[in-house]
């Protein structure tokens, strides 16, 4: 376990802390937290959105003006 400087108060905190123990600011160095897996969820959501759009483009009936 390493230590880093808090970006707000400059004091040393553990690199796995969710927030600074001195000033209470959110640590930007945390390895675990509420954002773990956010990138994977974003990629899956993006792929699902692309597939839904492809469905609308290719399989829905097209209406041509007369």
N, C-alpha and C. Protein backbone atom coordinates (compact mmCIF):
# COMPACT_ATOMS: atom_id res chain seq x y z
N UNK A 1 0.85 -1.18 0.00
CA UNK A 1 0.00 0.00 0.00
C UNK A 1 0.89 1.23 0.00
N UNK A 2 0.72 2.08 -0.99
CA UNK A 2 1.50 3.29 -1.09
C UNK A 2 0.76 4.50 -0.56
N UNK A 3 1.46 5.60 -0.59
CA UNK A 3 0.85 6.84 -0.13
C UNK A 3 1.01 7.90 -1.21
N UNK A 4 0.02 8.77 -1.31
CA UNK A 4 0.03 9.87 -2.27
C UNK A 4 -0.34 11.16 -1.55
N UNK A 5 -0.07 12.28 -2.19
CA UNK A 5 -0.46 13.57 -1.62
C UNK A 5 -1.89 13.91 -2.04
N UNK A 6 -2.68 14.41 -1.11
CA UNK A 6 -4.03 14.88 -1.40
C UNK A 6 -3.92 16.08 -2.34
N UNK A 7 -4.77 16.14 -3.36
CA UNK A 7 -4.72 17.24 -4.31
C UNK A 7 -5.20 18.55 -3.71
N UNK A 8 -5.95 18.49 -2.60
CA UNK A 8 -6.54 19.69 -2.02
C UNK A 8 -5.74 20.24 -0.84
N UNK A 9 -5.38 19.36 0.10
CA UNK A 9 -4.67 19.87 1.28
C UNK A 9 -3.17 19.54 1.25
N UNK A 10 -2.75 18.61 0.37
CA UNK A 10 -1.34 18.30 0.21
C UNK A 10 -0.77 17.31 1.22
N UNK A 11 -1.57 16.81 2.14
CA UNK A 11 -1.08 15.87 3.15
C UNK A 11 -1.09 14.45 2.59
N UNK A 12 -0.27 13.58 3.16
CA UNK A 12 -0.12 12.20 2.69
C UNK A 12 -1.33 11.36 3.12
N UNK A 13 -1.87 10.59 2.15
CA UNK A 13 -2.98 9.68 2.42
C UNK A 13 -2.69 8.36 1.72
N UNK A 14 -3.29 7.26 2.19
CA UNK A 14 -3.12 5.98 1.48
C UNK A 14 -3.71 6.06 0.08
N UNK A 15 -3.08 5.36 -0.88
CA UNK A 15 -3.55 5.45 -2.26
C UNK A 15 -4.86 4.72 -2.50
N UNK A 16 -5.31 3.91 -1.54
CA UNK A 16 -6.59 3.22 -1.73
C UNK A 16 -7.73 3.86 -0.92
N UNK A 17 -7.48 5.02 -0.31
CA UNK A 17 -8.51 5.70 0.47
C UNK A 17 -9.52 6.36 -0.47
N UNK A 18 -10.80 6.29 -0.13
CA UNK A 18 -11.84 6.89 -0.95
C UNK A 18 -11.87 8.41 -0.78
N UNK A 19 -11.47 8.89 0.41
CA UNK A 19 -11.42 10.33 0.66
C UNK A 19 -10.27 10.64 1.59
N UNK A 20 -9.87 11.90 1.58
CA UNK A 20 -8.76 12.35 2.42
C UNK A 20 -9.18 12.31 3.89
N UNK A 21 -8.32 11.76 4.73
CA UNK A 21 -8.64 11.68 6.16
C UNK A 21 -8.44 13.03 6.85
N UNK A 22 -7.77 13.96 6.19
CA UNK A 22 -7.50 15.27 6.80
C UNK A 22 -8.56 16.31 6.44
N UNK A 23 -8.87 16.43 5.13
CA UNK A 23 -9.81 17.47 4.70
C UNK A 23 -11.14 16.93 4.21
N UNK A 24 -11.24 15.61 3.97
CA UNK A 24 -12.49 14.99 3.56
C UNK A 24 -12.77 15.05 2.06
N UNK A 25 -11.83 15.56 1.28
CA UNK A 25 -12.03 15.64 -0.17
C UNK A 25 -11.95 14.26 -0.79
N UNK A 26 -12.65 14.07 -1.91
CA UNK A 26 -12.62 12.79 -2.62
C UNK A 26 -11.23 12.56 -3.19
N UNK A 27 -10.70 11.37 -3.00
CA UNK A 27 -9.38 11.04 -3.51
C UNK A 27 -9.49 10.63 -4.97
N UNK A 28 -8.67 11.22 -5.83
CA UNK A 28 -8.67 10.87 -7.24
C UNK A 28 -7.71 9.71 -7.52
N UNK A 29 -7.08 9.18 -6.49
CA UNK A 29 -6.12 8.10 -6.66
C UNK A 29 -6.70 6.76 -6.25
N UNK A 30 -7.98 6.72 -5.83
CA UNK A 30 -8.53 5.48 -5.30
C UNK A 30 -8.57 4.41 -6.39
N UNK A 31 -8.27 3.20 -5.99
CA UNK A 31 -8.26 2.07 -6.91
C UNK A 31 -9.61 1.37 -6.93
N UNK A 32 -10.35 1.45 -5.84
CA UNK A 32 -11.68 0.85 -5.75
C UNK A 32 -12.65 1.93 -5.32
N UNK A 33 -13.90 1.76 -5.66
CA UNK A 33 -14.90 2.74 -5.26
C UNK A 33 -16.17 2.58 -6.04
N UNK A 34 -17.02 3.58 -5.96
CA UNK A 34 -18.31 3.50 -6.60
C UNK A 34 -18.22 3.50 -8.12
N UNK A 35 -17.11 3.91 -8.69
CA UNK A 35 -16.96 3.98 -10.14
C UNK A 35 -16.33 2.73 -10.74
N UNK A 36 -16.06 1.71 -9.93
CA UNK A 36 -15.43 0.52 -10.48
C UNK A 36 -16.39 -0.15 -11.45
N UNK A 37 -15.93 -0.45 -12.62
CA UNK A 37 -16.73 -1.09 -13.65
C UNK A 37 -17.53 -0.13 -14.50
N UNK A 38 -17.37 1.16 -14.32
CA UNK A 38 -18.16 2.14 -15.08
C UNK A 38 -17.80 2.10 -16.56
N UNK A 39 -16.54 1.91 -16.89
CA UNK A 39 -16.13 1.86 -18.29
C UNK A 39 -16.75 0.67 -19.00
N UNK A 40 -16.75 -0.48 -18.34
CA UNK A 40 -17.31 -1.70 -18.93
C UNK A 40 -18.82 -1.52 -19.17
N UNK A 41 -19.52 -0.93 -18.19
CA UNK A 41 -20.96 -0.69 -18.35
C UNK A 41 -21.22 0.29 -19.49
N UNK A 42 -20.38 1.31 -19.63
CA UNK A 42 -20.54 2.28 -20.71
C UNK A 42 -20.36 1.61 -22.06
N UNK A 43 -19.36 0.76 -22.20
CA UNK A 43 -19.12 0.07 -23.47
C UNK A 43 -20.29 -0.84 -23.81
N UNK A 44 -20.80 -1.58 -22.82
CA UNK A 44 -21.95 -2.46 -23.08
C UNK A 44 -23.18 -1.66 -23.47
N UNK A 45 -23.41 -0.54 -22.81
CA UNK A 45 -24.54 0.32 -23.15
C UNK A 45 -24.40 0.88 -24.57
N UNK A 46 -23.20 1.28 -24.94
CA UNK A 46 -22.96 1.81 -26.27
C UNK A 46 -23.21 0.74 -27.34
N UNK A 47 -22.74 -0.48 -27.11
CA UNK A 47 -22.96 -1.58 -28.07
C UNK A 47 -24.46 -1.87 -28.20
N UNK A 48 -25.18 -1.88 -27.07
CA UNK A 48 -26.63 -2.12 -27.12
C UNK A 48 -27.32 -1.02 -27.91
N UNK A 49 -26.91 0.22 -27.73
CA UNK A 49 -27.50 1.34 -28.46
C UNK A 49 -27.24 1.21 -29.96
N UNK A 50 -26.05 0.80 -30.34
CA UNK A 50 -25.73 0.61 -31.76
C UNK A 50 -26.58 -0.50 -32.35
N UNK A 51 -26.77 -1.59 -31.63
CA UNK A 51 -27.58 -2.70 -32.13
C UNK A 51 -29.05 -2.28 -32.29
N UNK A 52 -29.57 -1.51 -31.36
CA UNK A 52 -30.95 -1.03 -31.46
C UNK A 52 -31.10 -0.11 -32.67
N UNK A 53 -30.13 0.77 -32.87
CA UNK A 53 -30.18 1.66 -34.04
C UNK A 53 -30.09 0.87 -35.34
N UNK A 54 -29.26 -0.16 -35.37
CA UNK A 54 -29.16 -1.00 -36.57
C UNK A 54 -30.48 -1.70 -36.84
N UNK A 55 -31.18 -2.14 -35.80
CA UNK A 55 -32.49 -2.75 -35.96
C UNK A 55 -33.45 -1.76 -36.61
N UNK A 56 -33.49 -0.54 -36.12
CA UNK A 56 -34.40 0.46 -36.67
C UNK A 56 -34.06 0.79 -38.12
N UNK A 57 -32.80 0.82 -38.46
CA UNK A 57 -32.39 1.19 -39.81
C UNK A 57 -32.70 0.08 -40.81
N UNK A 58 -32.44 -1.18 -40.47
CA UNK A 58 -32.52 -2.26 -41.44
C UNK A 58 -33.83 -3.06 -41.42
N UNK A 59 -34.49 -3.23 -40.31
CA UNK A 59 -35.61 -4.16 -40.24
C UNK A 59 -36.98 -3.52 -40.15
N UNK A 60 -37.06 -2.27 -39.84
CA UNK A 60 -38.38 -1.63 -39.80
C UNK A 60 -38.81 -1.28 -41.21
N UNK A 61 -40.11 -1.35 -41.46
CA UNK A 61 -40.57 -1.02 -42.84
C UNK A 61 -40.30 0.44 -43.17
N UNK A 62 -40.05 0.66 -44.44
CA UNK A 62 -39.76 2.01 -44.90
C UNK A 62 -41.00 2.56 -45.60
N UNK A 63 -41.25 3.79 -45.36
CA UNK A 63 -42.40 4.46 -45.99
C UNK A 63 -41.88 5.48 -46.97
N UNK A 64 -42.31 5.34 -48.23
CA UNK A 64 -41.88 6.28 -49.26
C UNK A 64 -43.05 7.19 -49.61
N UNK A 65 -42.78 8.47 -49.77
CA UNK A 65 -43.89 9.37 -50.15
C UNK A 65 -44.37 9.07 -51.57
N UNK A 66 -45.67 9.23 -51.80
CA UNK A 66 -46.19 8.94 -53.14
C UNK A 66 -46.24 10.15 -54.02
